[in-house]
Each structure stands twice: as C-alpha cells, then as structure tokens.
N, C-alpha and C. Protein backbone atom coordinates (compact mmCIF):
# COMPACT_ATOMS: atom_id res chain seq x y z
N MET A 1 0.83 -1.18 -0.10
CA MET A 1 -0.02 -0.11 0.03
C MET A 1 0.85 1.27 0.01
N PHE A 2 1.96 1.18 0.65
CA PHE A 2 2.86 2.27 0.80
C PHE A 2 3.44 2.47 -0.59
N SER A 3 3.96 1.61 -1.36
CA SER A 3 4.43 1.80 -2.59
C SER A 3 3.42 2.38 -3.63
N CYS A 4 2.26 1.90 -3.51
CA CYS A 4 1.11 2.41 -4.44
C CYS A 4 0.94 3.80 -4.22
N ALA A 5 0.92 4.23 -2.80
CA ALA A 5 0.75 5.50 -2.32
C ALA A 5 1.85 6.51 -2.94
N PHE A 6 3.05 5.95 -2.79
CA PHE A 6 4.21 6.96 -3.09
C PHE A 6 4.24 6.98 -4.68
N PHE A 7 3.87 5.89 -5.56
CA PHE A 7 3.89 6.06 -7.02
C PHE A 7 2.57 7.00 -7.47
N SER A 8 1.72 6.85 -6.62
CA SER A 8 0.48 7.77 -7.08
C SER A 8 0.86 9.26 -6.72
N VAL A 9 1.48 9.52 -5.74
CA VAL A 9 1.86 10.96 -5.39
C VAL A 9 2.90 11.30 -6.50
N LYS A 10 3.96 10.64 -6.69
CA LYS A 10 5.03 10.86 -8.02
C LYS A 10 4.15 10.96 -9.17
N ALA A 11 3.26 10.27 -9.41
CA ALA A 11 2.53 10.49 -10.89
C ALA A 11 1.75 11.82 -10.75
N GLN A 12 1.20 12.16 -9.64
CA GLN A 12 0.61 13.49 -9.53
C GLN A 12 1.61 14.67 -9.78
N GLU A 13 2.65 14.60 -9.34
CA GLU A 13 3.80 15.52 -9.51
C GLU A 13 4.29 15.62 -10.82
N ASN A 14 4.09 14.73 -11.58
CA ASN A 14 4.61 14.80 -12.92
C ASN A 14 3.56 15.06 -14.03
N ILE A 15 2.49 15.45 -13.49
CA ILE A 15 1.42 16.06 -14.40
C ILE A 15 1.66 17.33 -14.65
N LYS A 16 1.59 17.66 -15.77
CA LYS A 16 1.95 19.27 -16.09
C LYS A 16 0.76 20.00 -15.89
N PRO A 17 0.91 21.16 -14.93
CA PRO A 17 -0.22 21.95 -14.59
C PRO A 17 -0.87 22.82 -15.72
N ASN A 18 -0.14 23.09 -16.66
CA ASN A 18 -0.31 24.05 -17.73
C ASN A 18 -0.83 22.92 -18.89
N THR A 19 -2.02 22.74 -19.21
CA THR A 19 -2.31 21.91 -20.27
C THR A 19 -3.21 22.54 -21.23
N SER A 20 -3.39 22.11 -22.36
CA SER A 20 -4.41 22.76 -23.49
C SER A 20 -5.82 22.35 -22.90
N HIS A 21 -6.59 23.35 -23.35
CA HIS A 21 -8.11 22.95 -22.90
C HIS A 21 -8.91 23.90 -23.90
N ALA A 22 -10.25 23.56 -23.90
CA ALA A 22 -11.34 24.39 -24.64
C ALA A 22 -12.37 24.85 -23.72
N GLY A 23 -13.04 25.93 -24.17
CA GLY A 23 -14.30 26.28 -23.18
C GLY A 23 -15.30 27.17 -24.07
N LEU A 24 -16.15 27.49 -23.20
CA LEU A 24 -17.18 28.42 -23.75
C LEU A 24 -17.19 29.79 -22.98
N LYS A 25 -17.51 30.77 -23.83
CA LYS A 25 -17.39 32.24 -23.06
C LYS A 25 -18.53 32.96 -23.57
N PHE A 26 -18.94 33.79 -22.75
CA PHE A 26 -20.17 34.77 -23.16
C PHE A 26 -19.93 36.06 -22.43
N GLY A 27 -20.66 37.13 -22.89
CA GLY A 27 -20.48 38.39 -22.02
C GLY A 27 -21.35 39.47 -22.83
N TYR A 28 -20.85 40.58 -22.22
CA TYR A 28 -21.56 41.94 -22.55
C TYR A 28 -20.68 42.95 -23.45
N ASN A 29 -21.06 43.30 -24.39
CA ASN A 29 -20.45 44.32 -25.48
C ASN A 29 -20.91 45.69 -25.41
N MET A 30 -20.08 46.70 -25.62
CA MET A 30 -20.30 48.02 -25.60
C MET A 30 -19.67 48.30 -26.95
N ALA A 31 -20.40 48.61 -28.06
CA ALA A 31 -19.82 48.75 -29.27
C ALA A 31 -19.91 50.25 -29.71
N SER A 32 -19.05 50.68 -30.71
CA SER A 32 -19.26 52.12 -31.32
C SER A 32 -18.62 51.98 -32.64
N VAL A 33 -18.53 52.99 -33.39
CA VAL A 33 -17.70 53.20 -34.63
C VAL A 33 -17.03 54.58 -34.52
N SER A 34 -15.89 54.58 -35.20
CA SER A 34 -15.21 55.83 -35.23
C SER A 34 -15.17 56.12 -36.67
N PHE A 35 -15.60 57.34 -37.01
CA PHE A 35 -15.48 57.94 -38.40
C PHE A 35 -14.35 58.53 -38.85
N ASP A 36 -13.68 59.25 -37.96
CA ASP A 36 -12.48 60.09 -38.25
C ASP A 36 -11.30 59.52 -37.44
N GLY A 37 -11.45 58.68 -36.65
CA GLY A 37 -10.21 58.40 -35.76
C GLY A 37 -10.12 59.07 -34.55
N ASP A 38 -10.69 60.12 -34.34
CA ASP A 38 -10.68 60.90 -33.11
C ASP A 38 -11.80 60.78 -32.22
N THR A 39 -13.10 60.65 -32.75
CA THR A 39 -14.39 60.73 -31.98
C THR A 39 -15.17 59.32 -32.35
N GLU A 40 -15.81 58.94 -31.43
CA GLU A 40 -16.57 57.79 -31.48
C GLU A 40 -18.16 58.08 -31.31
N THR A 41 -18.93 57.33 -32.00
CA THR A 41 -20.45 57.37 -31.96
C THR A 41 -20.90 56.92 -30.49
N GLY A 42 -22.16 57.10 -30.34
CA GLY A 42 -22.78 56.49 -29.06
C GLY A 42 -22.65 55.04 -29.00
N LYS A 43 -22.79 54.41 -28.00
CA LYS A 43 -22.53 53.07 -27.63
C LYS A 43 -23.94 52.23 -28.07
N ARG A 44 -23.53 51.05 -28.75
CA ARG A 44 -24.73 50.10 -28.76
C ARG A 44 -24.29 49.00 -27.89
N HIS A 45 -25.23 48.54 -27.01
CA HIS A 45 -25.20 47.49 -26.02
C HIS A 45 -25.67 46.11 -26.72
N GLY A 46 -24.87 45.19 -26.51
CA GLY A 46 -25.20 43.85 -26.96
C GLY A 46 -24.49 42.70 -26.19
N PHE A 47 -24.28 41.67 -26.98
CA PHE A 47 -23.71 40.47 -26.22
C PHE A 47 -22.74 39.85 -27.02
N HIS A 48 -22.05 38.86 -26.59
CA HIS A 48 -21.27 37.86 -27.36
C HIS A 48 -21.08 36.54 -26.87
N VAL A 49 -21.23 35.45 -27.58
CA VAL A 49 -21.19 34.00 -27.12
C VAL A 49 -20.31 33.25 -28.09
N GLY A 50 -19.37 32.26 -27.60
CA GLY A 50 -18.47 31.61 -28.61
C GLY A 50 -17.73 30.42 -27.77
N PHE A 51 -16.80 29.97 -28.46
CA PHE A 51 -16.02 28.87 -28.05
C PHE A 51 -14.47 29.29 -28.15
N TYR A 52 -13.72 28.76 -27.35
CA TYR A 52 -12.27 29.07 -27.42
C TYR A 52 -11.47 27.62 -27.28
N GLY A 53 -10.22 27.71 -27.74
CA GLY A 53 -9.24 26.65 -27.60
C GLY A 53 -7.94 27.26 -27.09
N GLU A 54 -7.33 26.83 -25.93
CA GLU A 54 -6.10 27.55 -25.45
C GLU A 54 -4.98 26.44 -25.45
N SER A 55 -3.84 26.80 -25.77
CA SER A 55 -2.55 25.86 -25.78
C SER A 55 -1.40 26.47 -25.13
N PHE A 56 -0.94 25.81 -24.20
CA PHE A 56 0.40 26.50 -23.82
C PHE A 56 1.50 26.26 -24.73
N ILE A 57 2.30 27.27 -25.02
CA ILE A 57 3.49 26.98 -25.96
C ILE A 57 4.84 27.29 -25.09
N SER A 58 4.69 27.74 -23.86
CA SER A 58 5.67 27.90 -22.81
C SER A 58 5.06 27.65 -21.36
N GLU A 59 5.87 27.88 -20.50
CA GLU A 59 5.45 27.74 -19.05
C GLU A 59 4.27 28.79 -18.77
N ILE A 60 4.54 29.94 -19.29
CA ILE A 60 3.68 31.15 -19.00
C ILE A 60 2.83 31.75 -20.14
N THR A 61 3.04 31.13 -21.27
CA THR A 61 2.60 31.69 -22.54
C THR A 61 1.61 30.74 -23.33
N THR A 62 0.40 31.24 -23.93
CA THR A 62 -0.45 30.32 -24.58
C THR A 62 -0.78 31.14 -25.93
N ILE A 63 -1.59 30.35 -26.75
CA ILE A 63 -2.09 30.73 -28.15
C ILE A 63 -3.35 30.57 -27.87
N GLN A 64 -4.40 31.36 -27.89
CA GLN A 64 -5.84 31.17 -27.84
C GLN A 64 -6.52 31.48 -29.11
N VAL A 65 -7.34 30.59 -29.67
CA VAL A 65 -8.18 30.78 -30.92
C VAL A 65 -9.70 30.80 -30.46
N GLU A 66 -10.31 31.71 -30.83
CA GLU A 66 -11.95 31.81 -30.60
C GLU A 66 -12.61 32.01 -31.84
N ILE A 67 -13.88 31.51 -31.60
CA ILE A 67 -14.96 31.89 -32.81
C ILE A 67 -16.23 32.22 -32.02
N SER A 68 -16.83 33.50 -32.31
CA SER A 68 -17.88 33.97 -31.46
C SER A 68 -18.90 34.83 -32.42
N TYR A 69 -20.03 34.70 -31.93
CA TYR A 69 -20.97 35.53 -32.55
C TYR A 69 -20.89 36.98 -31.60
N SER A 70 -20.97 38.12 -32.27
CA SER A 70 -20.89 39.35 -31.55
C SER A 70 -21.89 40.38 -32.18
N GLN A 71 -22.60 41.03 -31.22
CA GLN A 71 -23.41 42.14 -31.60
C GLN A 71 -22.58 43.47 -31.47
N GLN A 72 -22.68 44.18 -32.55
CA GLN A 72 -21.83 45.22 -32.64
C GLN A 72 -22.65 46.49 -33.40
N GLY A 73 -22.04 47.62 -33.60
CA GLY A 73 -22.73 48.67 -34.28
C GLY A 73 -22.54 49.99 -33.38
N TYR A 74 -23.66 50.85 -33.56
CA TYR A 74 -23.55 52.20 -32.80
C TYR A 74 -24.91 52.61 -32.74
N GLU A 75 -24.94 53.85 -31.98
CA GLU A 75 -26.42 54.50 -31.68
C GLU A 75 -26.05 55.99 -31.78
N LEU A 76 -27.04 56.82 -32.37
CA LEU A 76 -26.94 58.20 -32.47
C LEU A 76 -28.17 58.71 -31.86
N LYS A 77 -28.19 59.73 -30.95
CA LYS A 77 -29.47 60.20 -30.40
C LYS A 77 -29.45 61.74 -30.71
N ASP A 78 -30.47 62.28 -31.12
CA ASP A 78 -30.76 63.85 -30.97
C ASP A 78 -32.14 64.15 -30.73
N ASN A 79 -32.42 65.33 -30.99
CA ASN A 79 -33.98 65.72 -30.61
C ASN A 79 -34.82 65.20 -31.52
N SER A 80 -34.49 64.74 -32.66
CA SER A 80 -35.60 64.19 -33.50
C SER A 80 -35.80 62.65 -33.37
N GLY A 81 -34.85 61.96 -32.64
CA GLY A 81 -34.92 60.52 -32.77
C GLY A 81 -33.54 59.99 -32.33
N THR A 82 -33.62 58.52 -32.62
CA THR A 82 -32.55 57.62 -32.55
C THR A 82 -32.23 56.92 -33.74
N PHE A 83 -31.10 56.97 -34.16
CA PHE A 83 -30.50 56.17 -35.35
C PHE A 83 -29.58 55.10 -34.69
N THR A 84 -29.95 53.85 -34.96
CA THR A 84 -29.14 52.57 -34.51
C THR A 84 -28.74 51.88 -35.58
N GLN A 85 -27.39 51.49 -35.64
CA GLN A 85 -26.84 50.61 -36.67
C GLN A 85 -26.46 49.39 -35.91
N LYS A 86 -27.16 48.19 -36.37
CA LYS A 86 -26.90 46.75 -35.80
C LYS A 86 -26.21 45.98 -36.75
N LEU A 87 -24.88 45.80 -36.37
CA LEU A 87 -23.99 44.91 -37.03
C LEU A 87 -23.75 43.73 -36.17
N ASN A 88 -23.95 42.39 -36.76
CA ASN A 88 -23.61 41.18 -36.25
C ASN A 88 -22.68 40.49 -37.00
N TYR A 89 -21.43 40.07 -36.24
CA TYR A 89 -20.43 39.29 -36.80
C TYR A 89 -20.23 38.03 -36.24
N ILE A 90 -19.50 37.26 -36.97
CA ILE A 90 -18.78 36.06 -36.49
C ILE A 90 -17.32 36.49 -36.32
N ASN A 91 -16.71 36.56 -35.21
CA ASN A 91 -15.22 37.20 -34.85
C ASN A 91 -14.38 35.80 -34.64
N VAL A 92 -13.21 35.88 -35.19
CA VAL A 92 -12.27 34.78 -35.18
C VAL A 92 -10.88 35.50 -34.58
N PRO A 93 -10.77 35.82 -33.31
CA PRO A 93 -9.42 36.26 -32.79
C PRO A 93 -8.51 35.20 -32.65
N VAL A 94 -7.22 35.46 -32.80
CA VAL A 94 -5.98 34.65 -32.54
C VAL A 94 -5.08 35.38 -31.53
N LEU A 95 -4.94 35.07 -30.16
CA LEU A 95 -4.54 35.83 -29.08
C LEU A 95 -3.24 35.12 -28.56
N LEU A 96 -2.25 35.94 -28.33
CA LEU A 96 -1.05 35.46 -27.69
C LEU A 96 -1.42 35.86 -25.95
N LYS A 97 -1.39 34.94 -25.07
CA LYS A 97 -1.72 35.38 -23.77
C LYS A 97 -0.47 35.01 -22.99
N VAL A 98 -0.35 35.84 -21.94
CA VAL A 98 0.93 35.67 -21.17
C VAL A 98 0.36 35.68 -19.61
N TYR A 99 0.77 34.74 -18.82
CA TYR A 99 0.29 34.64 -17.58
C TYR A 99 1.56 35.05 -16.62
N PRO A 100 1.78 36.45 -16.18
CA PRO A 100 2.72 36.85 -15.46
C PRO A 100 2.57 36.41 -13.90
N ASP A 101 1.40 35.79 -13.75
CA ASP A 101 1.04 35.26 -12.37
C ASP A 101 0.30 33.95 -12.73
N LYS A 102 0.10 32.97 -11.92
CA LYS A 102 -0.58 31.82 -12.09
C LYS A 102 -2.12 32.19 -12.60
N ASN A 103 -2.85 33.14 -12.02
CA ASN A 103 -4.06 33.53 -12.25
C ASN A 103 -4.51 34.57 -13.04
N PHE A 104 -3.50 35.47 -13.34
CA PHE A 104 -3.73 36.78 -14.06
C PHE A 104 -3.13 36.64 -15.33
N PHE A 105 -3.79 37.14 -16.37
CA PHE A 105 -3.30 36.99 -17.79
C PHE A 105 -3.45 38.40 -18.61
N LEU A 106 -2.50 38.68 -19.56
CA LEU A 106 -2.62 39.71 -20.46
C LEU A 106 -2.68 39.00 -21.86
N GLU A 107 -3.41 39.71 -22.80
CA GLU A 107 -3.56 39.07 -24.13
C GLU A 107 -3.51 40.19 -25.30
N ALA A 108 -3.18 39.83 -26.40
CA ALA A 108 -3.24 40.76 -27.60
C ALA A 108 -3.27 39.74 -28.78
N GLY A 109 -3.77 40.26 -29.81
CA GLY A 109 -3.72 39.50 -31.01
C GLY A 109 -4.63 40.14 -32.22
N PRO A 110 -4.46 39.66 -33.45
CA PRO A 110 -5.27 40.11 -34.52
C PRO A 110 -6.69 39.33 -34.39
N GLN A 111 -7.63 39.96 -35.14
CA GLN A 111 -8.98 39.35 -35.26
C GLN A 111 -9.60 39.69 -36.77
N VAL A 112 -10.08 38.56 -37.24
CA VAL A 112 -10.88 38.77 -38.70
C VAL A 112 -12.37 38.39 -38.26
N SER A 113 -13.28 39.22 -38.83
CA SER A 113 -14.74 39.24 -38.55
C SER A 113 -15.53 39.01 -39.84
N LEU A 114 -16.50 38.46 -40.01
CA LEU A 114 -17.34 38.09 -41.04
C LEU A 114 -18.81 38.65 -40.55
N ALA A 115 -19.21 39.85 -41.41
CA ALA A 115 -20.45 40.31 -41.19
C ALA A 115 -21.59 39.45 -41.53
N ILE A 116 -22.44 39.11 -40.51
CA ILE A 116 -23.47 38.10 -40.89
C ILE A 116 -24.97 38.68 -41.04
N SER A 117 -25.08 39.87 -40.59
CA SER A 117 -26.28 40.81 -40.62
C SER A 117 -25.94 42.07 -40.31
N HIS A 118 -26.79 43.15 -40.75
CA HIS A 118 -26.59 44.36 -40.68
C HIS A 118 -27.91 45.09 -41.06
N ARG A 119 -28.36 45.90 -39.95
CA ARG A 119 -29.68 46.59 -39.90
C ARG A 119 -29.61 48.01 -39.42
N GLU A 120 -30.19 48.94 -40.01
CA GLU A 120 -30.06 50.34 -39.76
C GLU A 120 -31.55 50.83 -39.26
N GLU A 121 -31.80 51.32 -38.08
CA GLU A 121 -33.09 51.81 -37.85
C GLU A 121 -33.28 53.02 -37.26
N TYR A 122 -34.38 53.80 -37.46
CA TYR A 122 -34.41 55.07 -37.12
C TYR A 122 -35.83 55.10 -36.30
N ASP A 123 -35.81 55.61 -35.03
CA ASP A 123 -37.14 56.01 -34.20
C ASP A 123 -37.16 57.33 -34.09
N SER A 124 -38.23 57.96 -34.73
CA SER A 124 -38.40 59.33 -34.63
C SER A 124 -39.13 59.57 -33.16
N SER A 125 -38.97 60.78 -32.61
CA SER A 125 -39.63 61.12 -31.41
C SER A 125 -41.21 61.09 -31.48
N PHE A 126 -41.55 61.37 -32.88
CA PHE A 126 -42.97 61.53 -33.25
C PHE A 126 -43.79 60.11 -33.68
N ASN A 127 -43.00 58.98 -33.73
CA ASN A 127 -43.60 57.85 -34.19
C ASN A 127 -44.14 57.97 -35.52
N LEU A 128 -43.96 58.85 -36.29
CA LEU A 128 -44.51 59.08 -37.61
C LEU A 128 -43.50 58.42 -38.68
N PHE A 129 -42.28 58.80 -38.41
CA PHE A 129 -41.17 58.50 -39.49
C PHE A 129 -40.32 57.45 -39.07
N ASN A 130 -40.92 56.24 -38.41
CA ASN A 130 -39.92 55.37 -37.97
C ASN A 130 -39.61 54.36 -39.28
N SER A 131 -38.43 53.89 -39.31
CA SER A 131 -38.29 53.25 -40.69
C SER A 131 -36.99 52.13 -40.18
N THR A 132 -37.04 51.38 -41.07
CA THR A 132 -36.04 50.10 -41.00
C THR A 132 -35.61 49.84 -42.36
N LYS A 133 -34.30 49.66 -42.61
CA LYS A 133 -33.55 49.46 -43.79
C LYS A 133 -32.43 48.66 -43.76
N GLU A 134 -32.30 47.84 -44.71
CA GLU A 134 -30.90 46.85 -44.63
C GLU A 134 -29.94 47.28 -45.68
N TYR A 135 -28.79 47.39 -45.17
CA TYR A 135 -27.78 47.90 -46.08
C TYR A 135 -26.76 46.75 -46.11
N ASP A 136 -25.69 46.95 -47.11
CA ASP A 136 -24.56 45.70 -47.10
C ASP A 136 -23.43 46.56 -46.77
N PRO A 137 -22.84 46.09 -45.61
CA PRO A 137 -21.54 46.58 -45.19
C PRO A 137 -20.36 45.72 -45.96
N ASP A 138 -19.29 46.19 -45.76
CA ASP A 138 -18.16 45.22 -46.30
C ASP A 138 -18.37 43.86 -45.49
N ASN A 139 -18.06 42.72 -46.10
CA ASN A 139 -18.25 41.48 -45.53
C ASN A 139 -17.28 41.12 -44.38
N PHE A 140 -16.00 41.52 -44.74
CA PHE A 140 -14.83 41.32 -43.74
C PHE A 140 -14.52 42.55 -43.15
N ASP A 141 -14.18 42.40 -41.87
CA ASP A 141 -13.55 43.40 -40.80
C ASP A 141 -12.36 42.72 -40.39
N TRP A 142 -11.43 43.56 -39.74
CA TRP A 142 -10.22 42.95 -39.06
C TRP A 142 -9.77 44.18 -38.10
N GLY A 143 -9.10 43.65 -37.09
CA GLY A 143 -8.52 44.64 -36.10
C GLY A 143 -7.50 43.98 -35.04
N ILE A 144 -7.32 44.67 -34.07
CA ILE A 144 -6.23 44.04 -33.07
C ILE A 144 -7.13 44.18 -31.67
N ASN A 145 -6.90 43.14 -30.93
CA ASN A 145 -7.46 42.94 -29.65
C ASN A 145 -6.29 43.33 -28.48
N PHE A 146 -6.68 43.85 -27.47
CA PHE A 146 -5.75 43.92 -26.11
C PHE A 146 -6.65 43.67 -25.11
N GLY A 147 -6.39 43.01 -24.13
CA GLY A 147 -6.93 42.77 -22.96
C GLY A 147 -6.20 41.97 -21.84
N GLY A 148 -7.14 41.78 -20.74
CA GLY A 148 -6.46 41.01 -19.67
C GLY A 148 -7.74 40.29 -18.76
N GLY A 149 -7.26 39.64 -17.78
CA GLY A 149 -8.23 39.05 -16.76
C GLY A 149 -7.54 38.19 -15.85
N PHE A 150 -8.59 37.44 -15.20
CA PHE A 150 -8.13 36.33 -14.19
C PHE A 150 -8.76 35.14 -14.45
N LYS A 151 -8.12 34.01 -14.13
CA LYS A 151 -8.55 32.78 -14.47
C LYS A 151 -8.37 31.89 -13.32
N THR A 152 -9.27 31.19 -12.79
CA THR A 152 -9.18 30.38 -11.59
C THR A 152 -8.53 28.98 -11.78
N ASN A 153 -8.22 28.23 -10.70
CA ASN A 153 -7.54 26.98 -11.02
C ASN A 153 -8.64 26.05 -11.56
N SER A 154 -9.93 26.15 -11.18
CA SER A 154 -10.93 25.38 -11.84
C SER A 154 -11.14 25.53 -13.19
N GLY A 155 -10.57 26.80 -13.86
CA GLY A 155 -11.08 27.05 -15.37
C GLY A 155 -12.10 28.14 -15.60
N LEU A 156 -12.42 28.70 -14.41
CA LEU A 156 -13.51 29.93 -14.68
C LEU A 156 -12.71 31.16 -14.85
N SER A 157 -13.00 32.04 -15.89
CA SER A 157 -12.17 33.18 -16.16
C SER A 157 -13.00 34.47 -16.36
N LEU A 158 -12.48 35.57 -15.81
CA LEU A 158 -13.27 36.91 -16.05
C LEU A 158 -12.25 37.68 -16.96
N GLY A 159 -12.95 38.29 -18.02
CA GLY A 159 -11.85 39.06 -18.83
C GLY A 159 -12.39 40.17 -19.29
N VAL A 160 -11.76 41.21 -19.86
CA VAL A 160 -11.88 42.45 -20.57
C VAL A 160 -11.17 42.71 -21.55
N ARG A 161 -11.65 43.07 -22.59
CA ARG A 161 -10.94 43.16 -24.05
C ARG A 161 -11.51 44.32 -24.81
N TYR A 162 -10.56 44.96 -25.45
CA TYR A 162 -10.89 46.07 -26.36
C TYR A 162 -10.45 45.86 -27.80
N LEU A 163 -11.31 46.02 -28.74
CA LEU A 163 -11.05 45.63 -30.20
C LEU A 163 -10.68 47.00 -30.89
N LEU A 164 -9.73 47.30 -31.44
CA LEU A 164 -9.47 48.53 -32.15
C LEU A 164 -9.58 48.01 -33.61
N GLY A 165 -10.67 48.33 -34.40
CA GLY A 165 -11.02 47.91 -35.63
C GLY A 165 -10.11 48.60 -36.66
N LEU A 166 -9.68 48.04 -37.62
CA LEU A 166 -8.68 48.56 -38.61
C LEU A 166 -9.28 48.71 -39.99
N GLY A 167 -10.26 47.71 -40.10
CA GLY A 167 -10.96 47.67 -41.55
C GLY A 167 -12.05 48.51 -41.66
N ASN A 168 -12.64 49.06 -42.79
CA ASN A 168 -13.75 50.00 -42.85
C ASN A 168 -14.98 49.36 -42.83
N VAL A 169 -16.11 49.81 -42.13
CA VAL A 169 -17.35 49.00 -42.14
C VAL A 169 -17.95 49.37 -43.52
N TYR A 170 -17.82 50.62 -43.92
CA TYR A 170 -18.45 50.94 -45.28
C TYR A 170 -17.27 51.47 -45.99
N ASN A 171 -17.45 51.85 -47.28
CA ASN A 171 -16.53 52.39 -47.97
C ASN A 171 -16.63 53.83 -47.89
N GLN A 172 -17.55 54.32 -47.73
CA GLN A 172 -17.81 55.88 -47.51
C GLN A 172 -17.38 56.20 -46.05
N GLU A 173 -16.59 57.27 -45.92
CA GLU A 173 -16.18 57.89 -44.69
C GLU A 173 -15.22 57.09 -43.79
N SER A 174 -14.89 55.96 -44.13
CA SER A 174 -14.03 54.95 -43.66
C SER A 174 -14.31 54.81 -41.98
N PRO A 175 -15.48 54.41 -41.69
CA PRO A 175 -15.91 54.11 -40.31
C PRO A 175 -15.18 52.72 -39.80
N LYS A 176 -14.68 52.69 -38.59
CA LYS A 176 -13.93 51.55 -38.00
C LYS A 176 -14.71 51.10 -36.79
N ASN A 177 -14.73 49.96 -36.46
CA ASN A 177 -15.32 49.23 -35.32
C ASN A 177 -14.50 49.56 -34.16
N ARG A 178 -15.21 49.77 -33.02
CA ARG A 178 -14.65 49.93 -31.74
C ARG A 178 -15.35 49.17 -30.73
N LEU A 179 -14.86 48.25 -29.99
CA LEU A 179 -15.58 47.20 -29.19
C LEU A 179 -14.95 47.09 -27.64
N LEU A 180 -15.63 47.17 -26.68
CA LEU A 180 -15.26 46.85 -25.21
C LEU A 180 -15.97 45.54 -24.83
N GLN A 181 -15.40 44.55 -24.48
CA GLN A 181 -16.20 43.19 -24.10
C GLN A 181 -15.77 42.96 -22.57
N PHE A 182 -16.81 42.35 -21.94
CA PHE A 182 -16.57 41.97 -20.60
C PHE A 182 -17.02 40.28 -20.67
N SER A 183 -16.23 39.50 -20.41
CA SER A 183 -16.52 38.00 -20.72
C SER A 183 -16.46 37.25 -19.42
N LEU A 184 -17.18 36.16 -19.40
CA LEU A 184 -17.10 35.10 -18.34
C LEU A 184 -16.71 33.73 -19.20
N GLY A 185 -15.93 33.11 -18.97
CA GLY A 185 -15.54 31.77 -19.55
C GLY A 185 -15.38 30.58 -18.50
N PHE A 186 -15.58 29.44 -19.35
CA PHE A 186 -15.73 28.21 -18.45
C PHE A 186 -14.70 27.27 -19.28
N ASP A 187 -13.75 26.42 -18.78
CA ASP A 187 -13.05 25.48 -19.47
C ASP A 187 -13.85 24.07 -19.39
N LEU A 188 -14.10 23.63 -20.52
CA LEU A 188 -15.02 22.30 -20.47
C LEU A 188 -13.99 21.18 -20.20
C-alpha cells in the first residue's frame, strides 16, 4: 500500500499543470464606430457568445483561438430621434496570452470578422417617421485586440478586451469598429 501511495503521489507531481483546453465564453458588449479616428459614436449595447481553445507554448505563454457571435454597431441620438446601426459578426481572434502570475493574464492579437447581418433603424420622437432598412456593409472586418483578466485553477475566467477595428465598415467615410467586451469563460 505504501509503494502504491508513493507512486500515485509521484504520478501527480509529473502531471503538467499547464495543459491545453477548450471552453465556452459569453459576455457583454459596448460597441461604437469611429468615423474620423478621433471621435466615436454612441454605444450600442449587446452580447457575445462563443468557443475557445487555449494551448500552452511555454510555461507562461499560450495561444488562444476563438470563434464567437458578436453584436456590434452604434447608436446616435438627437432631438428628432434615435438612429441605430446593428452589425452582427462572427469574430475569429487569435491571441497571444501571457500569464505573469498563475491566475492573471494579459492578451493581444489580431482578429478577422465576417458580417452576418446588418440593419439600420431610425426611431423618430413623433412615431410618424420610424423606418427600417437593410444595407450591405463590407463583409470582412479586421482589427487588433488588447485585454486581460483572471482565471481560477478550476478554469473559470473573467476578462476584459478592447477591439481596435482597422478595416472599414463601409467604403464611405472610412468608419471603423470599436468594441469593449466583458467576458465570463468556462473550461470544458
């Protein structure tokens, strides 16, 4: 019994604590669009949900690939009503994550996105001129993500990420996506 217990403890010591894993994540979005690089529109509130896979490439560094559905766009309000642009994307970020501490991480990396739906709505203050129209944005978008967060030993993670869009949403006026995400993730 003693030798079985000894070898069992030794086997547990040889298991690498940093292993590859996959998981599910979801969270809250605050999206906007920058038309001139200096100012941003009002925020559109939405959500994101998706899957991720994370693989350690060193003791403290991982590569994480995700695929997620994300509600983005913007909102403009004035005295005559509210204009809302609803952009929905499939986002695929590839992130380099660094764990300076066992449970704290920093992340950065590129992202490509495919627009799956796009709708613009105008709600007038008078309810006489409400309208809905669908336009075609550029199908592909791209940008750079920066973020950080905490991950528990059980695989539960809380993160915050900012997307700096570099592709144009439309060909006119060169609008670019901006996105702040708050996420909750679970390793499966």
